mmCIF file of all heavy atoms, coordinates in Angstrom:
data_MODEL
# 
_entry.id   MODEL 
# 
loop_
_atom_site.group_PDB 
_atom_site.id 
_atom_site.type_symbol 
_atom_site.label_atom_id 
_atom_site.label_alt_id 
_atom_site.label_comp_id 
_atom_site.label_asym_id 
_atom_site.label_entity_id 
_atom_site.label_seq_id 
_atom_site.pdbx_PDB_ins_code 
_atom_site.Cartn_x 
_atom_site.Cartn_y 
_atom_site.Cartn_z 
_atom_site.occupancy 
_atom_site.B_iso_or_equiv 
_atom_site.pdbx_formal_charge 
_atom_site.auth_seq_id 
_atom_site.auth_comp_id 
_atom_site.auth_asym_id 
_atom_site.auth_atom_id 
_atom_site.pdbx_PDB_model_num 
ATOM 1   N N   . ILE A 1 1  ? 1.569   10.324 8.547  1.00 0.00 ? 1  ILE A N   1 
ATOM 2   C CA  . ILE A 1 1  ? 2.270   11.248 7.633  1.00 0.00 ? 1  ILE A CA  1 
ATOM 3   C C   . ILE A 1 1  ? 3.359   12.011 8.369  1.00 0.00 ? 1  ILE A C   1 
ATOM 4   O O   . ILE A 1 1  ? 4.472   12.180 7.845  1.00 0.00 ? 1  ILE A O   1 
ATOM 5   C CB  . ILE A 1 1  ? 1.262   12.201 6.982  1.00 0.00 ? 1  ILE A CB  1 
ATOM 6   C CG1 . ILE A 1 1  ? 0.351   11.431 6.000  1.00 0.00 ? 1  ILE A CG1 1 
ATOM 7   C CG2 . ILE A 1 1  ? 1.961   13.348 6.253  1.00 0.00 ? 1  ILE A CG2 1 
ATOM 8   C CD1 . ILE A 1 1  ? -0.881  12.168 5.599  1.00 0.00 ? 1  ILE A CD1 1 
ATOM 9   N N   . ALA A 1 2  ? 3.059   12.429 9.600  1.00 0.00 ? 2  ALA A N   1 
ATOM 10  C CA  . ALA A 1 2  ? 4.075   13.135 10.396 1.00 0.00 ? 2  ALA A CA  1 
ATOM 11  C C   . ALA A 1 2  ? 5.259   12.220 10.674 1.00 0.00 ? 2  ALA A C   1 
ATOM 12  O O   . ALA A 1 2  ? 6.415   12.693 10.658 1.00 0.00 ? 2  ALA A O   1 
ATOM 13  C CB  . ALA A 1 2  ? 3.451   13.615 11.697 1.00 0.00 ? 2  ALA A CB  1 
ATOM 14  N N   . GLU A 1 3  ? 5.013   10.950 10.910 1.00 0.00 ? 3  GLU A N   1 
ATOM 15  C CA  . GLU A 1 3  ? 6.137   9.996  11.109 1.00 0.00 ? 3  GLU A CA  1 
ATOM 16  C C   . GLU A 1 3  ? 6.982   9.903  9.860  1.00 0.00 ? 3  GLU A C   1 
ATOM 17  O O   . GLU A 1 3  ? 8.238   9.867  9.945  1.00 0.00 ? 3  GLU A O   1 
ATOM 18  C CB  . GLU A 1 3  ? 5.556   8.628  11.480 1.00 0.00 ? 3  GLU A CB  1 
ATOM 19  C CG  . GLU A 1 3  ? 4.981   8.555  12.896 1.00 0.00 ? 3  GLU A CG  1 
ATOM 20  C CD  . GLU A 1 3  ? 4.305   7.255  13.198 1.00 0.00 ? 3  GLU A CD  1 
ATOM 21  O OE1 . GLU A 1 3  ? 4.058   6.448  12.261 1.00 0.00 ? 3  GLU A OE1 1 
ATOM 22  O OE2 . GLU A 1 3  ? 3.996   7.006  14.376 1.00 0.00 ? 3  GLU A OE2 1 
ATOM 23  N N   . SER A 1 4  ? 6.342   9.854  8.687  1.00 0.00 ? 4  SER A N   1 
ATOM 24  C CA  . SER A 1 4  ? 7.117   9.789  7.449  1.00 0.00 ? 4  SER A CA  1 
ATOM 25  C C   . SER A 1 4  ? 7.952   11.059 7.263  1.00 0.00 ? 4  SER A C   1 
ATOM 26  O O   . SER A 1 4  ? 9.109   10.995 6.806  1.00 0.00 ? 4  SER A O   1 
ATOM 27  C CB  . SER A 1 4  ? 6.183   9.602  6.238  1.00 0.00 ? 4  SER A CB  1 
ATOM 28  O OG  . SER A 1 4  ? 5.910   8.242  6.027  1.00 0.00 ? 4  SER A OG  1 
ATOM 29  N N   . GLN A 1 5  ? 7.392   12.200 7.603  1.00 0.00 ? 5  GLN A N   1 
ATOM 30  C CA  . GLN A 1 5  ? 8.163   13.443 7.473  1.00 0.00 ? 5  GLN A CA  1 
ATOM 31  C C   . GLN A 1 5  ? 9.367   13.436 8.398  1.00 0.00 ? 5  GLN A C   1 
ATOM 32  O O   . GLN A 1 5  ? 10.460  13.836 7.994  1.00 0.00 ? 5  GLN A O   1 
ATOM 33  C CB  . GLN A 1 5  ? 7.235   14.621 7.777  1.00 0.00 ? 5  GLN A CB  1 
ATOM 34  C CG  . GLN A 1 5  ? 6.184   14.855 6.701  1.00 0.00 ? 5  GLN A CG  1 
ATOM 35  C CD  . GLN A 1 5  ? 5.133   15.853 7.081  1.00 0.00 ? 5  GLN A CD  1 
ATOM 36  O OE1 . GLN A 1 5  ? 4.844   16.047 8.242  1.00 0.00 ? 5  GLN A OE1 1 
ATOM 37  N NE2 . GLN A 1 5  ? 4.541   16.518 6.084  1.00 0.00 ? 5  GLN A NE2 1 
ATOM 38  N N   . ARG A 1 6  ? 9.190   12.978 9.648  1.00 0.00 ? 6  ARG A N   1 
ATOM 39  C CA  . ARG A 1 6  ? 10.331  12.911 10.557 1.00 0.00 ? 6  ARG A CA  1 
ATOM 40  C C   . ARG A 1 6  ? 11.361  11.895 10.084 1.00 0.00 ? 6  ARG A C   1 
ATOM 41  O O   . ARG A 1 6  ? 12.581  12.135 10.200 1.00 0.00 ? 6  ARG A O   1 
ATOM 42  C CB  . ARG A 1 6  ? 9.848   12.520 11.955 1.00 0.00 ? 6  ARG A CB  1 
ATOM 43  C CG  . ARG A 1 6  ? 9.088   13.646 12.669 1.00 0.00 ? 6  ARG A CG  1 
ATOM 44  C CD  . ARG A 1 6  ? 8.945   13.373 14.151 1.00 0.00 ? 6  ARG A CD  1 
ATOM 45  N NE  . ARG A 1 6  ? 8.079   12.229 14.400 1.00 0.00 ? 6  ARG A NE  1 
ATOM 46  C CZ  . ARG A 1 6  ? 6.746   12.291 14.529 1.00 0.00 ? 6  ARG A CZ  1 
ATOM 47  N NH1 . ARG A 1 6  ? 6.134   13.453 14.405 1.00 0.00 ? 6  ARG A NH1 1 
ATOM 48  N NH2 . ARG A 1 6  ? 6.037   11.215 14.763 1.00 0.00 ? 6  ARG A NH2 1 
ATOM 49  N N   . ALA A 1 7  ? 10.888  10.803 9.530  1.00 0.00 ? 7  ALA A N   1 
ATOM 50  C CA  . ALA A 1 7  ? 11.822  9.774  9.043  1.00 0.00 ? 7  ALA A CA  1 
ATOM 51  C C   . ALA A 1 7  ? 12.641  10.304 7.875  1.00 0.00 ? 7  ALA A C   1 
ATOM 52  O O   . ALA A 1 7  ? 13.860  10.097 7.795  1.00 0.00 ? 7  ALA A O   1 
ATOM 53  C CB  . ALA A 1 7  ? 11.040  8.524  8.611  1.00 0.00 ? 7  ALA A CB  1 
ATOM 54  N N   . LEU A 1 8  ? 11.999  11.040 6.971  1.00 0.00 ? 8  LEU A N   1 
ATOM 55  C CA  . LEU A 1 8  ? 12.753  11.587 5.847  1.00 0.00 ? 8  LEU A CA  1 
ATOM 56  C C   . LEU A 1 8  ? 13.758  12.633 6.313  1.00 0.00 ? 8  LEU A C   1 
ATOM 57  O O   . LEU A 1 8  ? 14.858  12.740 5.747  1.00 0.00 ? 8  LEU A O   1 
ATOM 58  C CB  . LEU A 1 8  ? 11.799  12.195 4.805  1.00 0.00 ? 8  LEU A CB  1 
ATOM 59  C CG  . LEU A 1 8  ? 11.117  11.196 3.872  1.00 0.00 ? 8  LEU A CG  1 
ATOM 60  C CD1 . LEU A 1 8  ? 10.118  11.897 2.976  1.00 0.00 ? 8  LEU A CD1 1 
ATOM 61  C CD2 . LEU A 1 8  ? 12.137  10.441 3.028  1.00 0.00 ? 8  LEU A CD2 1 
ATOM 62  N N   . GLU A 1 9  ? 13.404  13.397 7.326  1.00 0.00 ? 9  GLU A N   1 
ATOM 63  C CA  . GLU A 1 9  ? 14.370  14.344 7.883  1.00 0.00 ? 9  GLU A CA  1 
ATOM 64  C C   . GLU A 1 9  ? 15.605  13.616 8.418  1.00 0.00 ? 9  GLU A C   1 
ATOM 65  O O   . GLU A 1 9  ? 16.724  14.057 8.244  1.00 0.00 ? 9  GLU A O   1 
ATOM 66  C CB  . GLU A 1 9  ? 13.697  15.144 8.998  1.00 0.00 ? 9  GLU A CB  1 
ATOM 67  C CG  . GLU A 1 9  ? 12.672  16.177 8.502  1.00 0.00 ? 9  GLU A CG  1 
ATOM 68  C CD  . GLU A 1 9  ? 11.863  16.765 9.613  1.00 0.00 ? 9  GLU A CD  1 
ATOM 69  O OE1 . GLU A 1 9  ? 12.149  16.474 10.786 1.00 0.00 ? 9  GLU A OE1 1 
ATOM 70  O OE2 . GLU A 1 9  ? 10.909  17.525 9.330  1.00 0.00 ? 9  GLU A OE2 1 
ATOM 71  N N   . ALA A 1 10 ? 15.377  12.453 9.043  1.00 0.00 ? 10 ALA A N   1 
ATOM 72  C CA  . ALA A 1 10 ? 16.510  11.661 9.532  1.00 0.00 ? 10 ALA A CA  1 
ATOM 73  C C   . ALA A 1 10 ? 17.360  11.137 8.376  1.00 0.00 ? 10 ALA A C   1 
ATOM 74  O O   . ALA A 1 10 ? 18.578  10.951 8.534  1.00 0.00 ? 10 ALA A O   1 
ATOM 75  C CB  . ALA A 1 10 ? 15.977  10.481 10.369 1.00 0.00 ? 10 ALA A CB  1 
ATOM 76  N N   . LEU A 1 11 ? 16.752  10.896 7.233  1.00 0.00 ? 11 LEU A N   1 
ATOM 77  C CA  . LEU A 1 11 ? 17.502  10.441 6.059  1.00 0.00 ? 11 LEU A CA  1 
ATOM 78  C C   . LEU A 1 11 ? 18.213  11.571 5.337  1.00 0.00 ? 11 LEU A C   1 
ATOM 79  O O   . LEU A 1 11 ? 19.099  11.309 4.531  1.00 0.00 ? 11 LEU A O   1 
ATOM 80  C CB  . LEU A 1 11 ? 16.569  9.723  5.080  1.00 0.00 ? 11 LEU A CB  1 
ATOM 81  C CG  . LEU A 1 11 ? 15.953  8.406  5.550  1.00 0.00 ? 11 LEU A CG  1 
ATOM 82  C CD1 . LEU A 1 11 ? 15.053  7.833  4.447  1.00 0.00 ? 11 LEU A CD1 1 
ATOM 83  C CD2 . LEU A 1 11 ? 16.982  7.387  5.967  1.00 0.00 ? 11 LEU A CD2 1 
ATOM 84  N N   . GLY A 1 12 ? 17.776  12.813 5.590  1.00 0.00 ? 12 GLY A N   1 
ATOM 85  C CA  . GLY A 1 12 ? 18.472  13.925 4.967  1.00 0.00 ? 12 GLY A CA  1 
ATOM 86  C C   . GLY A 1 12 ? 17.601  14.826 4.145  1.00 0.00 ? 12 GLY A C   1 
ATOM 87  O O   . GLY A 1 12 ? 18.089  15.742 3.452  1.00 0.00 ? 12 GLY A O   1 
ATOM 88  N N   . GLY A 1 13 ? 16.273  14.613 4.167  1.00 0.00 ? 13 GLY A N   1 
ATOM 89  C CA  . GLY A 1 13 ? 15.385  15.499 3.404  1.00 0.00 ? 13 GLY A CA  1 
ATOM 90  C C   . GLY A 1 13 ? 14.317  14.736 2.680  1.00 0.00 ? 13 GLY A C   1 
ATOM 91  O O   . GLY A 1 13 ? 13.929  13.636 3.052  1.00 0.00 ? 13 GLY A O   1 
ATOM 92  N N   . GLY A 1 14 ? 13.801  15.318 1.622  1.00 0.00 ? 14 GLY A N   1 
ATOM 93  C CA  . GLY A 1 14 ? 12.736  14.687 0.872  1.00 0.00 ? 14 GLY A CA  1 
ATOM 94  C C   . GLY A 1 14 ? 11.408  15.401 1.118  1.00 0.00 ? 14 GLY A C   1 
ATOM 95  O O   . GLY A 1 14 ? 11.217  16.060 2.127  1.00 0.00 ? 14 GLY A O   1 
ATOM 96  N N   . ILE A 1 15 ? 10.491  15.238 0.178  1.00 0.00 ? 15 ILE A N   1 
ATOM 97  C CA  . ILE A 1 15 ? 9.192   15.913 0.205  1.00 0.00 ? 15 ILE A CA  1 
ATOM 98  C C   . ILE A 1 15 ? 8.107   14.846 0.207  1.00 0.00 ? 15 ILE A C   1 
ATOM 99  O O   . ILE A 1 15 ? 8.094   13.954 -0.661 1.00 0.00 ? 15 ILE A O   1 
ATOM 100 C CB  . ILE A 1 15 ? 9.018   16.848 -0.991 1.00 0.00 ? 15 ILE A CB  1 
ATOM 101 C CG1 . ILE A 1 15 ? 10.188  17.838 -1.054 1.00 0.00 ? 15 ILE A CG1 1 
ATOM 102 C CG2 . ILE A 1 15 ? 7.683   17.592 -0.925 1.00 0.00 ? 15 ILE A CG2 1 
ATOM 103 C CD1 . ILE A 1 15 ? 10.271  18.566 -2.361 1.00 0.00 ? 15 ILE A CD1 1 
ATOM 104 N N   . VAL A 1 16 ? 7.178   14.918 1.142  1.00 0.00 ? 16 VAL A N   1 
ATOM 105 C CA  . VAL A 1 16 ? 6.095   13.956 1.267  1.00 0.00 ? 16 VAL A CA  1 
ATOM 106 C C   . VAL A 1 16 ? 4.843   14.478 0.576  1.00 0.00 ? 16 VAL A C   1 
ATOM 107 O O   . VAL A 1 16 ? 4.469   15.636 0.729  1.00 0.00 ? 16 VAL A O   1 
ATOM 108 C CB  . VAL A 1 16 ? 5.787   13.691 2.767  1.00 0.00 ? 16 VAL A CB  1 
ATOM 109 C CG1 . VAL A 1 16 ? 4.519   12.861 2.914  1.00 0.00 ? 16 VAL A CG1 1 
ATOM 110 C CG2 . VAL A 1 16 ? 6.953   12.970 3.427  1.00 0.00 ? 16 VAL A CG2 1 
ATOM 111 N N   . HIS A 1 17 ? 4.200   13.599 -0.200 1.00 0.00 ? 17 HIS A N   1 
ATOM 112 C CA  . HIS A 1 17 ? 2.954   13.916 -0.874 1.00 0.00 ? 17 HIS A CA  1 
ATOM 113 C C   . HIS A 1 17 ? 1.908   12.868 -0.493 1.00 0.00 ? 17 HIS A C   1 
ATOM 114 O O   . HIS A 1 17 ? 2.195   11.674 -0.525 1.00 0.00 ? 17 HIS A O   1 
ATOM 115 C CB  . HIS A 1 17 ? 3.127   13.932 -2.398 1.00 0.00 ? 17 HIS A CB  1 
ATOM 116 C CG  . HIS A 1 17 ? 4.274   14.784 -2.857 1.00 0.00 ? 17 HIS A CG  1 
ATOM 117 N ND1 . HIS A 1 17 ? 4.202   16.167 -2.934 1.00 0.00 ? 17 HIS A ND1 1 
ATOM 118 C CD2 . HIS A 1 17 ? 5.537   14.453 -3.245 1.00 0.00 ? 17 HIS A CD2 1 
ATOM 119 C CE1 . HIS A 1 17 ? 5.366   16.625 -3.365 1.00 0.00 ? 17 HIS A CE1 1 
ATOM 120 N NE2 . HIS A 1 17 ? 6.184   15.618 -3.565 1.00 0.00 ? 17 HIS A NE2 1 
ATOM 121 N N   . GLU A 1 18 ? 0.726   13.310 -0.142 1.00 0.00 ? 18 GLU A N   1 
ATOM 122 C CA  . GLU A 1 18 ? -0.328  12.398 0.305  1.00 0.00 ? 18 GLU A CA  1 
ATOM 123 C C   . GLU A 1 18 ? -1.173  11.923 -0.865 1.00 0.00 ? 18 GLU A C   1 
ATOM 124 O O   . GLU A 1 18 ? -1.668  12.726 -1.649 1.00 0.00 ? 18 GLU A O   1 
ATOM 125 C CB  . GLU A 1 18 ? -1.226  13.103 1.312  1.00 0.00 ? 18 GLU A CB  1 
ATOM 126 C CG  . GLU A 1 18 ? -0.494  13.583 2.551  1.00 0.00 ? 18 GLU A CG  1 
ATOM 127 C CD  . GLU A 1 18 ? -1.407  14.393 3.467  1.00 0.00 ? 18 GLU A CD  1 
ATOM 128 O OE1 . GLU A 1 18 ? -2.564  13.956 3.656  1.00 0.00 ? 18 GLU A OE1 1 
ATOM 129 O OE2 . GLU A 1 18 ? -0.996  15.447 3.972  1.00 0.00 ? 18 GLU A OE2 1 
ATOM 130 N N   . GLY A 1 19 ? -1.348  10.592 -0.943 1.00 0.00 ? 19 GLY A N   1 
ATOM 131 C CA  . GLY A 1 19 ? -2.218  10.022 -1.975 1.00 0.00 ? 19 GLY A CA  1 
ATOM 132 C C   . GLY A 1 19 ? -3.658  9.913  -1.541 1.00 0.00 ? 19 GLY A C   1 
ATOM 133 O O   . GLY A 1 19 ? -4.580  10.073 -2.337 1.00 0.00 ? 19 GLY A O   1 
ATOM 134 N N   . GLY A 1 20 ? -3.867  9.591  -0.247 1.00 0.00 ? 20 GLY A N   1 
ATOM 135 C CA  . GLY A 1 20 ? -5.207  9.592  0.316  1.00 0.00 ? 20 GLY A CA  1 
ATOM 136 C C   . GLY A 1 20 ? -6.045  8.363  0.022  1.00 0.00 ? 20 GLY A C   1 
ATOM 137 O O   . GLY A 1 20 ? -7.230  8.338  0.397  1.00 0.00 ? 20 GLY A O   1 
ATOM 138 N N   . ILE A 1 21 ? -5.503  7.340  -0.620 1.00 0.00 ? 21 ILE A N   1 
ATOM 139 C CA  . ILE A 1 21 ? -6.249  6.110  -0.857 1.00 0.00 ? 21 ILE A CA  1 
ATOM 140 C C   . ILE A 1 21 ? -6.444  5.391  0.478  1.00 0.00 ? 21 ILE A C   1 
ATOM 141 O O   . ILE A 1 21 ? -5.493  5.298  1.266  1.00 0.00 ? 21 ILE A O   1 
ATOM 142 C CB  . ILE A 1 21 ? -5.506  5.212  -1.874 1.00 0.00 ? 21 ILE A CB  1 
ATOM 143 C CG1 . ILE A 1 21 ? -5.285  5.941  -3.190 1.00 0.00 ? 21 ILE A CG1 1 
ATOM 144 C CG2 . ILE A 1 21 ? -6.266  3.892  -2.095 1.00 0.00 ? 21 ILE A CG2 1 
ATOM 145 C CD1 . ILE A 1 21 ? -6.522  6.316  -3.948 1.00 0.00 ? 21 ILE A CD1 1 
ATOM 146 N N   . PRO A 1 22 ? -7.619  4.846  0.755  1.00 0.00 ? 22 PRO A N   1 
ATOM 147 C CA  . PRO A 1 22 ? -7.799  4.121  2.030  1.00 0.00 ? 22 PRO A CA  1 
ATOM 148 C C   . PRO A 1 22 ? -6.850  2.935  2.161  1.00 0.00 ? 22 PRO A C   1 
ATOM 149 O O   . PRO A 1 22 ? -6.717  2.143  1.226  1.00 0.00 ? 22 PRO A O   1 
ATOM 150 C CB  . PRO A 1 22 ? -9.244  3.681  1.995  1.00 0.00 ? 22 PRO A CB  1 
ATOM 151 C CG  . PRO A 1 22 ? -9.922  4.607  1.035  1.00 0.00 ? 22 PRO A CG  1 
ATOM 152 C CD  . PRO A 1 22 ? -8.872  4.954  -0.012 1.00 0.00 ? 22 PRO A CD  1 
ATOM 153 N N   . ASP A 1 23 ? -6.189  2.854  3.289  1.00 0.00 ? 23 ASP A N   1 
ATOM 154 C CA  . ASP A 1 23 ? -5.317  1.724  3.606  1.00 0.00 ? 23 ASP A CA  1 
ATOM 155 C C   . ASP A 1 23 ? -6.133  0.428  3.509  1.00 0.00 ? 23 ASP A C   1 
ATOM 156 O O   . ASP A 1 23 ? -7.261  0.353  3.947  1.00 0.00 ? 23 ASP A O   1 
ATOM 157 C CB  . ASP A 1 23 ? -4.775  1.911  5.028  1.00 0.00 ? 23 ASP A CB  1 
ATOM 158 C CG  . ASP A 1 23 ? -3.649  0.977  5.367  1.00 0.00 ? 23 ASP A CG  1 
ATOM 159 O OD1 . ASP A 1 23 ? -3.334  0.065  4.568  1.00 0.00 ? 23 ASP A OD1 1 
ATOM 160 O OD2 . ASP A 1 23 ? -3.092  1.127  6.488  1.00 0.00 ? 23 ASP A OD2 1 
ATOM 161 N N   . ARG A 1 24 ? -5.504  -0.591 2.890  1.00 0.00 ? 24 ARG A N   1 
ATOM 162 C CA  . ARG A 1 24 ? -6.113  -1.880 2.658  1.00 0.00 ? 24 ARG A CA  1 
ATOM 163 C C   . ARG A 1 24 ? -7.204  -1.854 1.590  1.00 0.00 ? 24 ARG A C   1 
ATOM 164 O O   . ARG A 1 24 ? -7.893  -2.831 1.379  1.00 0.00 ? 24 ARG A O   1 
ATOM 165 C CB  . ARG A 1 24 ? -6.699  -2.482 3.947  1.00 0.00 ? 24 ARG A CB  1 
ATOM 166 C CG  . ARG A 1 24 ? -5.653  -3.024 4.897  1.00 0.00 ? 24 ARG A CG  1 
ATOM 167 C CD  . ARG A 1 24 ? -5.189  -4.427 4.473  1.00 0.00 ? 24 ARG A CD  1 
ATOM 168 N NE  . ARG A 1 24 ? -4.080  -4.902 5.280  1.00 0.00 ? 24 ARG A NE  1 
ATOM 169 C CZ  . ARG A 1 24 ? -3.489  -6.097 5.099  1.00 0.00 ? 24 ARG A CZ  1 
ATOM 170 N NH1 . ARG A 1 24 ? -3.956  -6.910 4.141  1.00 0.00 ? 24 ARG A NH1 1 
ATOM 171 N NH2 . ARG A 1 24 ? -2.480  -6.447 5.836  1.00 0.00 ? 24 ARG A NH2 1 
ATOM 172 N N   . GLY A 1 25 ? -7.308  -0.713 0.891  1.00 0.00 ? 25 GLY A N   1 
ATOM 173 C CA  . GLY A 1 25 ? -8.314  -0.608 -0.153 1.00 0.00 ? 25 GLY A CA  1 
ATOM 174 C C   . GLY A 1 25 ? -7.710  -0.363 -1.521 1.00 0.00 ? 25 GLY A C   1 
ATOM 175 O O   . GLY A 1 25 ? -8.445  -0.053 -2.473 1.00 0.00 ? 25 GLY A O   1 
ATOM 176 N N   . ALA A 1 26 ? -6.410  -0.496 -1.664 1.00 0.00 ? 26 ALA A N   1 
ATOM 177 C CA  . ALA A 1 26 ? -5.751  -0.102 -2.914 1.00 0.00 ? 26 ALA A CA  1 
ATOM 178 C C   . ALA A 1 26 ? -6.223  -0.975 -4.076 1.00 0.00 ? 26 ALA A C   1 
ATOM 179 O O   . ALA A 1 26 ? -6.342  -0.482 -5.202 1.00 0.00 ? 26 ALA A O   1 
ATOM 180 C CB  . ALA A 1 26 ? -4.238  -0.179 -2.767 1.00 0.00 ? 26 ALA A CB  1 
ATOM 181 N N   . GLY A 1 27 ? -6.440  -2.250 -3.830 1.00 0.00 ? 27 GLY A N   1 
ATOM 182 C CA  . GLY A 1 27 ? -6.849  -3.135 -4.914 1.00 0.00 ? 27 GLY A CA  1 
ATOM 183 C C   . GLY A 1 27 ? -8.171  -2.758 -5.543 1.00 0.00 ? 27 GLY A C   1 
ATOM 184 O O   . GLY A 1 27 ? -8.442  -3.102 -6.708 1.00 0.00 ? 27 GLY A O   1 
ATOM 185 N N   . ASP A 1 28 ? -9.006  -2.063 -4.788 1.00 0.00 ? 28 ASP A N   1 
ATOM 186 C CA  . ASP A 1 28 ? -10.310 -1.625 -5.299 1.00 0.00 ? 28 ASP A CA  1 
ATOM 187 C C   . ASP A 1 28 ? -10.256 -0.236 -5.943 1.00 0.00 ? 28 ASP A C   1 
ATOM 188 O O   . ASP A 1 28 ? -11.272 0.266  -6.418 1.00 0.00 ? 28 ASP A O   1 
ATOM 189 C CB  . ASP A 1 28 ? -11.336 -1.606 -4.166 1.00 0.00 ? 28 ASP A CB  1 
ATOM 190 C CG  . ASP A 1 28 ? -11.553 -2.973 -3.545 1.00 0.00 ? 28 ASP A CG  1 
ATOM 191 O OD1 . ASP A 1 28 ? -11.553 -3.966 -4.313 1.00 0.00 ? 28 ASP A OD1 1 
ATOM 192 O OD2 . ASP A 1 28 ? -11.727 -3.055 -2.316 1.00 0.00 ? 28 ASP A OD2 1 
ATOM 193 N N   . ARG A 1 29 ? -9.070  0.378  -5.940 1.00 0.00 ? 29 ARG A N   1 
ATOM 194 C CA  . ARG A 1 29 ? -8.953  1.761  -6.417 1.00 0.00 ? 29 ARG A CA  1 
ATOM 195 C C   . ARG A 1 29 ? -7.865  1.891  -7.488 1.00 0.00 ? 29 ARG A C   1 
ATOM 196 O O   . ARG A 1 29 ? -7.219  2.928  -7.598 1.00 0.00 ? 29 ARG A O   1 
ATOM 197 C CB  . ARG A 1 29 ? -8.592  2.695  -5.241 1.00 0.00 ? 29 ARG A CB  1 
ATOM 198 C CG  . ARG A 1 29 ? -9.529  2.634  -4.042 1.00 0.00 ? 29 ARG A CG  1 
ATOM 199 C CD  . ARG A 1 29 ? -10.832 3.321  -4.325 1.00 0.00 ? 29 ARG A CD  1 
ATOM 200 N NE  . ARG A 1 29 ? -11.661 3.449  -3.119 1.00 0.00 ? 29 ARG A NE  1 
ATOM 201 C CZ  . ARG A 1 29 ? -11.781 4.562  -2.395 1.00 0.00 ? 29 ARG A CZ  1 
ATOM 202 N NH1 . ARG A 1 29 ? -11.146 5.648  -2.760 1.00 0.00 ? 29 ARG A NH1 1 
ATOM 203 N NH2 . ARG A 1 29 ? -12.555 4.579  -1.353 1.00 0.00 ? 29 ARG A NH2 1 
# 
């Protein structure tokens, strides 16, 4: 999440929101 926040800062801004679904588990959720 911190990497995404830094990346968005490099792009010029944006707001990050966490979904919290387990990675590789989206199909079950």
